[in-house]
Amino acid sequence: VINTMAWYRQAPGKQREMVASITYSGSTNYADSVKGRFTISRDK
């Protein structure tokens, strides 16, 4: 596990979407809908 890791979600009848991702170095990215509420982290 050295690749970028991500969380996706899919509601019934809707397209799967990425909600958060994190690189091996710790850089993160979030969907606008979850910014300020969700936090992604990894334990190497």
All heavy atoms as atom14 arrays in JSON, in Angstrom:
{
  "sequence": "VINTMAWYRQAPGKQREMVASITYSGSTNYADSVKGRFTISRDK",
  "atom14_mask": [
    [1, 1, 1, 1, 1, 1, 1, 0, 0, 0, 0, 0, 0, 0],
    [1, 1, 1, 1, 1, 1, 1, 1, 0, 0, 0, 0, 0, 0],
    [1, 1, 1, 1, 1, 1, 1, 1, 0, 0, 0, 0, 0, 0],
    [1, 1, 1, 1, 1, 1, 1, 0, 0, 0, 0, 0, 0, 0],
    [1, 1, 1, 1, 1, 1, 1, 1, 0, 0, 0, 0, 0, 0],
    [1, 1, 1, 1, 1, 0, 0, 0, 0, 0, 0, 0, 0, 0],
    [1, 1, 1, 1, 1, 1, 1, 1, 1, 1, 1, 1, 1, 1],
    [1, 1, 1, 1, 1, 1, 1, 1, 1, 1, 1, 1, 0, 0],
    [1, 1, 1, 1, 1, 1, 1, 1, 1, 1, 1, 0, 0, 0],
    [1, 1, 1, 1, 1, 1, 1, 1, 1, 0, 0, 0, 0, 0],
    [1, 1, 1, 1, 1, 0, 0, 0, 0, 0, 0, 0, 0, 0],
    [1, 1, 1, 1, 1, 1, 1, 0, 0, 0, 0, 0, 0, 0],
    [1, 1, 1, 1, 0, 0, 0, 0, 0, 0, 0, 0, 0, 0],
    [1, 1, 1, 1, 1, 1, 1, 1, 1, 0, 0, 0, 0, 0],
    [1, 1, 1, 1, 1, 1, 1, 1, 1, 0, 0, 0, 0, 0],
    [1, 1, 1, 1, 1, 1, 1, 1, 1, 1, 1, 0, 0, 0],
    [1, 1, 1, 1, 1, 1, 1, 1, 1, 0, 0, 0, 0, 0],
    [1, 1, 1, 1, 1, 1, 1, 1, 0, 0, 0, 0, 0, 0],
    [1, 1, 1, 1, 1, 1, 1, 0, 0, 0, 0, 0, 0, 0],
    [1, 1, 1, 1, 1, 0, 0, 0, 0, 0, 0, 0, 0, 0],
    [1, 1, 1, 1, 1, 1, 0, 0, 0, 0, 0, 0, 0, 0],
    [1, 1, 1, 1, 1, 1, 1, 1, 0, 0, 0, 0, 0, 0],
    [1, 1, 1, 1, 1, 1, 1, 0, 0, 0, 0, 0, 0, 0],
    [1, 1, 1, 1, 1, 1, 1, 1, 1, 1, 1, 1, 0, 0],
    [1, 1, 1, 1, 1, 1, 0, 0, 0, 0, 0, 0, 0, 0],
    [1, 1, 1, 1, 0, 0, 0, 0, 0, 0, 0, 0, 0, 0],
    [1, 1, 1, 1, 1, 1, 0, 0, 0, 0, 0, 0, 0, 0],
    [1, 1, 1, 1, 1, 1, 1, 0, 0, 0, 0, 0, 0, 0],
    [1, 1, 1, 1, 1, 1, 1, 1, 0, 0, 0, 0, 0, 0],
    [1, 1, 1, 1, 1, 1, 1, 1, 1, 1, 1, 1, 0, 0],
    [1, 1, 1, 1, 1, 0, 0, 0, 0, 0, 0, 0, 0, 0],
    [1, 1, 1, 1, 1, 1, 1, 1, 0, 0, 0, 0, 0, 0],
    [1, 1, 1, 1, 1, 1, 0, 0, 0, 0, 0, 0, 0, 0],
    [1, 1, 1, 1, 1, 1, 1, 0, 0, 0, 0, 0, 0, 0],
    [1, 1, 1, 1, 1, 1, 1, 1, 1, 0, 0, 0, 0, 0],
    [1, 1, 1, 1, 0, 0, 0, 0, 0, 0, 0, 0, 0, 0],
    [1, 1, 1, 1, 1, 1, 1, 1, 1, 1, 1, 0, 0, 0],
    [1, 1, 1, 1, 1, 1, 1, 1, 1, 1, 1, 0, 0, 0],
    [1, 1, 1, 1, 1, 1, 1, 0, 0, 0, 0, 0, 0, 0],
    [1, 1, 1, 1, 1, 1, 1, 1, 0, 0, 0, 0, 0, 0],
    [1, 1, 1, 1, 1, 1, 0, 0, 0, 0, 0, 0, 0, 0],
    [1, 1, 1, 1, 1, 1, 1, 1, 1, 1, 1, 0, 0, 0],
    [1, 1, 1, 1, 1, 1, 1, 1, 0, 0, 0, 0, 0, 0],
    [1, 1, 1, 1, 1, 1, 1, 1, 1, 0, 0, 0, 0, 0]
  ],
  "atom14_positions": [
    [[0.82, -1.19, 0.0], [0.0, 0.0, 0.0], [0.87, 1.26, 0.0], [1.11, 1.86, 1.05], [-0.97, 0.0, 1.2], [-1.94, 1.18, 1.08], [-1.74, -1.31, 1.26], [0.0, 0.0, 0.0], [0.0, 0.0, 0.0], [0.0, 0.0, 0.0], [0.0, 0.0, 0.0], [0.0, 0.0, 0.0], [0.0, 0.0, 0.0], [0.0, 0.0, 0.0]],
    [[1.31, 1.65, -1.18], [2.05, 2.89, -1.34], [1.36, 3.8, -2.35], [1.78, 4.94, -2.53], [3.51, 2.65, -1.77], [3.57, 1.94, -3.12], [4.26, 1.86, -0.7], [4.98, 1.82, -3.68], [0.0, 0.0, 0.0], [0.0, 0.0, 0.0], [0.0, 0.0, 0.0], [0.0, 0.0, 0.0], [0.0, 0.0, 0.0], [0.0, 0.0, 0.0]],
    [[0.33, 3.3, -2.99], [-0.44, 4.1, -3.94], [-1.3, 5.11, -3.2], [-1.52, 5.02, -2.0], [-1.35, 3.22, -4.79], [-0.61, 2.23, -5.66], [0.43, 1.7, -5.28], [-1.17, 1.95, -6.83], [0.0, 0.0, 0.0], [0.0, 0.0, 0.0], [0.0, 0.0, 0.0], [0.0, 0.0, 0.0], [0.0, 0.0, 0.0], [0.0, 0.0, 0.0]],
    [[-1.83, 6.05, -3.97], [-2.86, 6.92, -3.43], [-4.07, 6.07, -3.03], [-4.47, 5.17, -3.77], [-3.28, 7.97, -4.47], [-2.2, 8.87, -4.7], [-4.49, 8.76, -4.0], [0.0, 0.0, 0.0], [0.0, 0.0, 0.0], [0.0, 0.0, 0.0], [0.0, 0.0, 0.0], [0.0, 0.0, 0.0], [0.0, 0.0, 0.0], [0.0, 0.0, 0.0]],
    [[-4.62, 6.34, -1.86], [-5.8, 5.64, -1.38], [-6.97, 6.62, -1.37], [-6.78, 7.83, -1.2], [-5.57, 5.1, 0.03], [-4.43, 4.11, 0.14], [-4.75, 2.56, -0.74], [-6.13, 1.91, 0.19], [0.0, 0.0, 0.0], [0.0, 0.0, 0.0], [0.0, 0.0, 0.0], [0.0, 0.0, 0.0], [0.0, 0.0, 0.0], [0.0, 0.0, 0.0]],
    [[-8.16, 6.09, -1.54], [-9.32, 6.97, -1.61], [-10.56, 6.3, -1.03], [-10.65, 5.07, -0.95], [-9.59, 7.39, -3.05], [0.0, 0.0, 0.0], [0.0, 0.0, 0.0], [0.0, 0.0, 0.0], [0.0, 0.0, 0.0], [0.0, 0.0, 0.0], [0.0, 0.0, 0.0], [0.0, 0.0, 0.0], [0.0, 0.0, 0.0], [0.0, 0.0, 0.0]],
    [[-11.51, 7.13, -0.63], [-12.83, 6.68, -0.26], [-13.82, 7.18, -1.3], [-13.81, 8.37, -1.65], [-13.24, 7.19, 1.12], [-12.55, 6.5, 2.25], [-11.42, 6.89, 2.9], [-12.96, 5.27, 2.86], [-11.09, 5.99, 3.89], [-12.03, 4.98, 3.89], [-14.02, 4.39, 2.66], [-12.13, 3.85, 4.69], [-14.12, 3.27, 3.46], [-13.18, 3.01, 4.46]],
    [[-14.66, 6.28, -1.77], [-15.74, 6.6, -2.69], [-17.05, 6.28, -2.01], [-17.1, 5.53, -1.04], [-15.63, 5.79, -3.98], [-14.51, 6.21, -4.91], [-13.18, 5.95, -4.61], [-14.79, 6.85, -6.12], [-12.15, 6.31, -5.46], [-13.78, 7.22, -6.99], [-12.46, 6.95, -6.66], [-11.46, 7.31, -7.52], [0.0, 0.0, 0.0], [0.0, 0.0, 0.0]],
    [[-18.13, 6.82, -2.53], [-19.43, 6.44, -2.02], [-20.43, 6.39, -3.17], [-20.27, 7.05, -4.2], [-19.92, 7.41, -0.94], [-20.25, 8.81, -1.43], [-20.6, 9.7, -0.24], [-20.95, 11.05, -0.66], [-21.16, 12.06, 0.18], [-21.05, 11.88, 1.5], [-21.48, 13.26, -0.29], [0.0, 0.0, 0.0], [0.0, 0.0, 0.0], [0.0, 0.0, 0.0]],
    [[-21.46, 5.59, -2.97], [-22.5, 5.45, -3.98], [-23.85, 5.28, -3.3], [-24.06, 4.34, -2.54], [-22.23, 4.26, -4.89], [-23.2, 4.14, -6.05], [-22.73, 3.14, -7.1], [-21.97, 2.23, -6.8], [-23.19, 3.31, -8.32], [0.0, 0.0, 0.0], [0.0, 0.0, 0.0], [0.0, 0.0, 0.0], [0.0, 0.0, 0.0], [0.0, 0.0, 0.0]],
    [[-24.74, 6.21, -3.59], [-26.11, 6.12, -3.11], [-26.95, 5.39, -4.15], [-26.6, 5.37, -5.33], [-26.67, 7.52, -2.85], [0.0, 0.0, 0.0], [0.0, 0.0, 0.0], [0.0, 0.0, 0.0], [0.0, 0.0, 0.0], [0.0, 0.0, 0.0], [0.0, 0.0, 0.0], [0.0, 0.0, 0.0], [0.0, 0.0, 0.0], [0.0, 0.0, 0.0]],
    [[-28.07, 4.78, -3.74], [-28.92, 4.05, -4.69], [-29.34, 4.92, -5.87], [-29.81, 6.04, -5.68], [-30.13, 3.65, -3.84], [-29.59, 3.56, -2.45], [-28.58, 4.68, -2.36], [0.0, 0.0, 0.0], [0.0, 0.0, 0.0], [0.0, 0.0, 0.0], [0.0, 0.0, 0.0], [0.0, 0.0, 0.0], [0.0, 0.0, 0.0], [0.0, 0.0, 0.0]],
    [[-29.14, 4.41, -7.08], [-29.53, 5.13, -8.27], [-28.62, 6.27, -8.67], [-28.93, 6.98, -9.63], [0.0, 0.0, 0.0], [0.0, 0.0, 0.0], [0.0, 0.0, 0.0], [0.0, 0.0, 0.0], [0.0, 0.0, 0.0], [0.0, 0.0, 0.0], [0.0, 0.0, 0.0], [0.0, 0.0, 0.0], [0.0, 0.0, 0.0], [0.0, 0.0, 0.0]],
    [[-27.52, 6.45, -7.97], [-26.61, 7.54, -8.27], [-25.23, 7.03, -8.67], [-24.88, 5.87, -8.4], [-26.47, 8.49, -7.07], [-27.77, 9.16, -6.65], [-27.53, 10.21, -5.58], [-26.74, 11.38, -6.12], [-26.58, 12.46, -5.08], [0.0, 0.0, 0.0], [0.0, 0.0, 0.0], [0.0, 0.0, 0.0], [0.0, 0.0, 0.0], [0.0, 0.0, 0.0]],
    [[-24.47, 7.88, -9.31], [-23.12, 7.54, -9.74], [-22.18, 7.49, -8.55], [-22.32, 8.26, -7.59], [-22.63, 8.59, -10.75], [-21.37, 8.18, -11.51], [-21.64, 7.21, -12.63], [-22.79, 6.92, -12.96], [-20.58, 6.7, -13.23], [0.0, 0.0, 0.0], [0.0, 0.0, 0.0], [0.0, 0.0, 0.0], [0.0, 0.0, 0.0], [0.0, 0.0, 0.0]],
    [[-21.24, 6.56, -8.61], [-20.23, 6.5, -7.57], [-19.34, 7.73, -7.65], [-18.94, 8.15, -8.75], [-19.4, 5.23, -7.71], [-18.45, 4.97, -6.56], [-17.81, 3.59, -6.66], [-18.79, 2.52, -6.61], [-18.49, 1.23, -6.6], [-17.22, 0.84, -6.62], [-19.45, 0.32, -6.57], [0.0, 0.0, 0.0], [0.0, 0.0, 0.0], [0.0, 0.0, 0.0]],
    [[-19.02, 8.32, -6.51], [-18.2, 9.52, -6.48], [-17.08, 9.41, -5.46], [-17.22, 8.75, -4.43], [-19.06, 10.76, -6.16], [-19.71, 10.71, -4.78], [-20.45, 11.97, -4.41], [-20.26, 13.0, -5.09], [-21.22, 11.94, -3.42], [0.0, 0.0, 0.0], [0.0, 0.0, 0.0], [0.0, 0.0, 0.0], [0.0, 0.0, 0.0], [0.0, 0.0, 0.0]],
    [[-15.98, 10.07, -5.75], [-14.88, 10.11, -4.8], [-15.16, 11.18, -3.77], [-15.55, 12.29, -4.11], [-13.55, 10.42, -5.5], [-12.34, 10.25, -4.59], [-10.83, 11.02, -5.23], [-11.18, 12.73, -4.89], [0.0, 0.0, 0.0], [0.0, 0.0, 0.0], [0.0, 0.0, 0.0], [0.0, 0.0, 0.0], [0.0, 0.0, 0.0], [0.0, 0.0, 0.0]],
    [[-14.97, 10.84, -2.51], [-15.2, 11.81, -1.45], [-13.91, 12.3, -0.82], [-13.86, 13.43, -0.31], [-16.15, 11.25, -0.36], [-17.52, 10.96, -0.96], [-15.58, 10.0, 0.29], [0.0, 0.0, 0.0], [0.0, 0.0, 0.0], [0.0, 0.0, 0.0], [0.0, 0.0, 0.0], [0.0, 0.0, 0.0], [0.0, 0.0, 0.0], [0.0, 0.0, 0.0]],
    [[-12.86, 11.49, -0.83], [-11.6, 11.89, -0.25], [-10.48, 11.0, -0.75], [-10.7, 9.82, -1.01], [-11.65, 11.84, 1.28], [0.0, 0.0, 0.0], [0.0, 0.0, 0.0], [0.0, 0.0, 0.0], [0.0, 0.0, 0.0], [0.0, 0.0, 0.0], [0.0, 0.0, 0.0], [0.0, 0.0, 0.0], [0.0, 0.0, 0.0], [0.0, 0.0, 0.0]],
    [[-9.29, 11.55, -0.87], [-8.13, 10.76, -1.27], [-6.9, 11.24, -0.52], [-6.86, 12.37, -0.03], [-7.89, 10.84, -2.78], [-7.5, 12.15, -3.17], [0.0, 0.0, 0.0], [0.0, 0.0, 0.0], [0.0, 0.0, 0.0], [0.0, 0.0, 0.0], [0.0, 0.0, 0.0], [0.0, 0.0, 0.0], [0.0, 0.0, 0.0], [0.0, 0.0, 0.0]],
    [[-5.92, 10.37, -0.44], [-4.68, 10.72, 0.24], [-3.52, 9.99, -0.42], [-3.58, 8.79, -0.69], [-4.76, 10.39, 1.75], [-3.48, 10.84, 2.47], [-5.04, 8.91, 1.99], [-3.61, 10.83, 3.99], [0.0, 0.0, 0.0], [0.0, 0.0, 0.0], [0.0, 0.0, 0.0], [0.0, 0.0, 0.0], [0.0, 0.0, 0.0], [0.0, 0.0, 0.0]],
    [[-2.45, 10.73, -0.71], [-1.27, 10.13, -1.3], [-0.42, 9.48, -0.22], [-0.67, 9.64, 0.98], [-0.42, 11.17, -2.04], [0.15, 12.09, -1.08], [-1.26, 11.96, -3.04], [0.0, 0.0, 0.0], [0.0, 0.0, 0.0], [0.0, 0.0, 0.0], [0.0, 0.0, 0.0], [0.0, 0.0, 0.0], [0.0, 0.0, 0.0], [0.0, 0.0, 0.0]],
    [[0.61, 8.76, -0.64], [1.5, 8.12, 0.32], [2.23, 9.16, 1.16], [2.54, 8.92, 2.33], [2.5, 7.22, -0.39], [3.31, 6.36, 0.55], [2.73, 5.3, 1.23], [4.67, 6.62, 0.76], [3.46, 4.51, 2.1], [5.41, 5.84, 1.63], [4.81, 4.78, 2.3], [5.55, 4.01, 3.16], [0.0, 0.0, 0.0], [0.0, 0.0, 0.0]],
    [[2.48, 10.33, 0.58], [3.17, 11.39, 1.3], [2.24, 12.21, 2.19], [2.7, 13.06, 2.95], [3.9, 12.31, 0.33], [3.0, 12.97, -0.54], [0.0, 0.0, 0.0], [0.0, 0.0, 0.0], [0.0, 0.0, 0.0], [0.0, 0.0, 0.0], [0.0, 0.0, 0.0], [0.0, 0.0, 0.0], [0.0, 0.0, 0.0], [0.0, 0.0, 0.0]],
    [[0.93, 11.97, 2.07], [-0.01, 12.63, 2.95], [-0.82, 13.77, 2.36], [-1.61, 14.39, 3.09], [0.0, 0.0, 0.0], [0.0, 0.0, 0.0], [0.0, 0.0, 0.0], [0.0, 0.0, 0.0], [0.0, 0.0, 0.0], [0.0, 0.0, 0.0], [0.0, 0.0, 0.0], [0.0, 0.0, 0.0], [0.0, 0.0, 0.0], [0.0, 0.0, 0.0]],
    [[-0.67, 14.05, 1.09], [-1.47, 15.09, 0.46], [-2.91, 14.62, 0.32], [-3.15, 13.49, -0.11], [-0.91, 15.46, -0.91], [0.39, 16.02, -0.79], [0.0, 0.0, 0.0], [0.0, 0.0, 0.0], [0.0, 0.0, 0.0], [0.0, 0.0, 0.0], [0.0, 0.0, 0.0], [0.0, 0.0, 0.0], [0.0, 0.0, 0.0], [0.0, 0.0, 0.0]],
    [[-3.86, 15.47, 0.65], [-5.26, 15.08, 0.64], [-6.09, 15.9, -0.33], [-5.72, 17.02, -0.71], [-5.88, 15.21, 2.04], [-5.76, 16.57, 2.49], [-5.17, 14.3, 3.03], [0.0, 0.0, 0.0], [0.0, 0.0, 0.0], [0.0, 0.0, 0.0], [0.0, 0.0, 0.0], [0.0, 0.0, 0.0], [0.0, 0.0, 0.0], [0.0, 0.0, 0.0]],
    [[-7.22, 15.33, -0.71], [-8.16, 16.0, -1.59], [-9.56, 15.58, -1.16], [-9.78, 14.41, -0.82], [-7.91, 15.64, -3.05], [-8.68, 16.51, -4.02], [-8.98, 17.66, -3.72], [-8.99, 15.96, -5.19], [0.0, 0.0, 0.0], [0.0, 0.0, 0.0], [0.0, 0.0, 0.0], [0.0, 0.0, 0.0], [0.0, 0.0, 0.0], [0.0, 0.0, 0.0]],
    [[-10.51, 16.52, -1.19], [-11.86, 16.24, -0.74], [-12.89, 16.76, -1.73], [-12.69, 17.78, -2.39], [-12.14, 16.89, 0.61], [-11.28, 16.4, 1.74], [-10.09, 17.04, 2.05], [-11.66, 15.3, 2.5], [-9.29, 16.58, 3.1], [-10.87, 14.84, 3.54], [-9.69, 15.48, 3.84], [-8.91, 15.03, 4.88], [0.0, 0.0, 0.0], [0.0, 0.0, 0.0]],
    [[-14.01, 16.06, -1.79], [-15.15, 16.58, -2.52], [-15.68, 17.8, -1.78], [-15.62, 17.86, -0.55], [-16.24, 15.52, -2.63], [0.0, 0.0, 0.0], [0.0, 0.0, 0.0], [0.0, 0.0, 0.0], [0.0, 0.0, 0.0], [0.0, 0.0, 0.0], [0.0, 0.0, 0.0], [0.0, 0.0, 0.0], [0.0, 0.0, 0.0], [0.0, 0.0, 0.0]],
    [[-16.19, 18.77, -2.52], [-16.69, 19.99, -1.89], [-17.77, 19.71, -0.85], [-17.85, 20.41, 0.17], [-17.24, 20.94, -2.95], [-16.16, 21.57, -3.8], [-14.99, 21.57, -3.39], [-16.49, 22.07, -4.89], [0.0, 0.0, 0.0], [0.0, 0.0, 0.0], [0.0, 0.0, 0.0], [0.0, 0.0, 0.0], [0.0, 0.0, 0.0], [0.0, 0.0, 0.0]],
    [[-18.56, 18.7, -1.08], [-19.68, 18.4, -0.19], [-19.26, 17.92, 1.19], [-20.07, 17.93, 2.12], [-20.6, 17.36, -0.84], [-19.91, 16.16, -1.11], [0.0, 0.0, 0.0], [0.0, 0.0, 0.0], [0.0, 0.0, 0.0], [0.0, 0.0, 0.0], [0.0, 0.0, 0.0], [0.0, 0.0, 0.0], [0.0, 0.0, 0.0], [0.0, 0.0, 0.0]],
    [[-18.0, 17.49, 1.34], [-17.56, 16.95, 2.62], [-16.44, 17.76, 3.26], [-16.03, 17.45, 4.39], [-17.12, 15.48, 2.51], [-18.22, 14.64, 1.87], [-15.81, 15.35, 1.73], [0.0, 0.0, 0.0], [0.0, 0.0, 0.0], [0.0, 0.0, 0.0], [0.0, 0.0, 0.0], [0.0, 0.0, 0.0], [0.0, 0.0, 0.0], [0.0, 0.0, 0.0]],
    [[-15.96, 18.78, 2.59], [-14.88, 19.61, 3.14], [-15.3, 20.22, 4.48], [-16.4, 20.73, 4.62], [-14.5, 20.72, 2.16], [-13.7, 20.24, 0.97], [-13.33, 21.4, 0.05], [-12.5, 20.93, -1.12], [-12.18, 22.02, -2.06], [0.0, 0.0, 0.0], [0.0, 0.0, 0.0], [0.0, 0.0, 0.0], [0.0, 0.0, 0.0], [0.0, 0.0, 0.0]],
    [[-14.39, 20.14, 5.43], [-14.66, 20.67, 6.75], [-15.37, 19.7, 7.66], [-15.49, 19.95, 8.87], [0.0, 0.0, 0.0], [0.0, 0.0, 0.0], [0.0, 0.0, 0.0], [0.0, 0.0, 0.0], [0.0, 0.0, 0.0], [0.0, 0.0, 0.0], [0.0, 0.0, 0.0], [0.0, 0.0, 0.0], [0.0, 0.0, 0.0], [0.0, 0.0, 0.0]],
    [[-15.86, 18.59, 7.12], [-16.57, 17.6, 7.92], [-15.86, 16.25, 7.95], [-15.89, 15.55, 8.96], [-17.99, 17.4, 7.39], [-18.83, 18.67, 7.42], [-20.3, 18.39, 7.07], [-20.44, 17.85, 5.72], [-20.93, 16.65, 5.44], [-21.34, 15.85, 6.43], [-21.04, 16.25, 4.18], [0.0, 0.0, 0.0], [0.0, 0.0, 0.0], [0.0, 0.0, 0.0]],
    [[-15.25, 15.87, 6.83], [-14.56, 14.58, 6.74], [-13.05, 14.78, 6.75], [-12.54, 15.77, 6.21], [-14.93, 13.85, 5.44], [-16.35, 13.35, 5.37], [-17.3, 13.71, 6.31], [-16.72, 12.51, 4.33], [-18.61, 13.25, 6.23], [-18.01, 12.04, 4.23], [-18.96, 12.4, 5.17], [0.0, 0.0, 0.0], [0.0, 0.0, 0.0], [0.0, 0.0, 0.0]],
    [[-12.34, 13.83, 7.33], [-10.89, 13.85, 7.33], [-10.36, 12.46, 6.98], [-10.71, 11.48, 7.64], [-10.32, 14.27, 8.7], [-10.82, 15.55, 9.07], [-8.79, 14.32, 8.65], [0.0, 0.0, 0.0], [0.0, 0.0, 0.0], [0.0, 0.0, 0.0], [0.0, 0.0, 0.0], [0.0, 0.0, 0.0], [0.0, 0.0, 0.0], [0.0, 0.0, 0.0]],
    [[-9.54, 12.39, 5.96], [-8.93, 11.13, 5.57], [-7.51, 11.08, 6.12], [-6.82, 12.1, 6.18], [-8.93, 10.94, 4.03], [-8.46, 9.53, 3.65], [-8.06, 12.0, 3.34], [-8.66, 9.2, 2.17], [0.0, 0.0, 0.0], [0.0, 0.0, 0.0], [0.0, 0.0, 0.0], [0.0, 0.0, 0.0], [0.0, 0.0, 0.0], [0.0, 0.0, 0.0]],
    [[-7.08, 9.92, 6.55], [-5.74, 9.75, 7.09], [-5.26, 8.34, 6.8], [-6.04, 7.45, 6.47], [-5.7, 10.04, 8.59], [-6.54, 9.13, 9.3], [0.0, 0.0, 0.0], [0.0, 0.0, 0.0], [0.0, 0.0, 0.0], [0.0, 0.0, 0.0], [0.0, 0.0, 0.0], [0.0, 0.0, 0.0], [0.0, 0.0, 0.0], [0.0, 0.0, 0.0]],
    [[-3.95, 8.14, 6.91], [-3.41, 6.81, 6.71], [-2.3, 6.54, 7.7], [-1.57, 7.45, 8.1], [-2.92, 6.61, 5.27], [-1.71, 7.42, 4.86], [-1.51, 7.4, 3.34], [-1.33, 6.05, 2.82], [-1.39, 5.72, 1.52], [-1.67, 6.66, 0.62], [-1.19, 4.47, 1.14], [0.0, 0.0, 0.0], [0.0, 0.0, 0.0], [0.0, 0.0, 0.0]],
    [[-2.19, 5.29, 8.07], [-1.15, 4.83, 8.97], [-0.23, 3.94, 8.15], [-0.6, 2.82, 7.8], [-1.76, 4.06, 10.15], [-0.72, 3.67, 11.19], [0.41, 3.32, 10.84], [-1.06, 3.73, 12.39], [0.0, 0.0, 0.0], [0.0, 0.0, 0.0], [0.0, 0.0, 0.0], [0.0, 0.0, 0.0], [0.0, 0.0, 0.0], [0.0, 0.0, 0.0]],
    [[0.95, 4.44, 7.84], [1.87, 3.7, 6.99], [2.39, 2.43, 7.65], [2.69, 1.46, 6.97], [3.04, 4.6, 6.58], [2.62, 5.8, 5.75], [3.8, 6.7, 5.44], [3.36, 7.94, 4.68], [4.5, 8.85, 4.39], [0.0, 0.0, 0.0], [0.0, 0.0, 0.0], [0.0, 0.0, 0.0], [0.0, 0.0, 0.0], [0.0, 0.0, 0.0]]
  ]
}
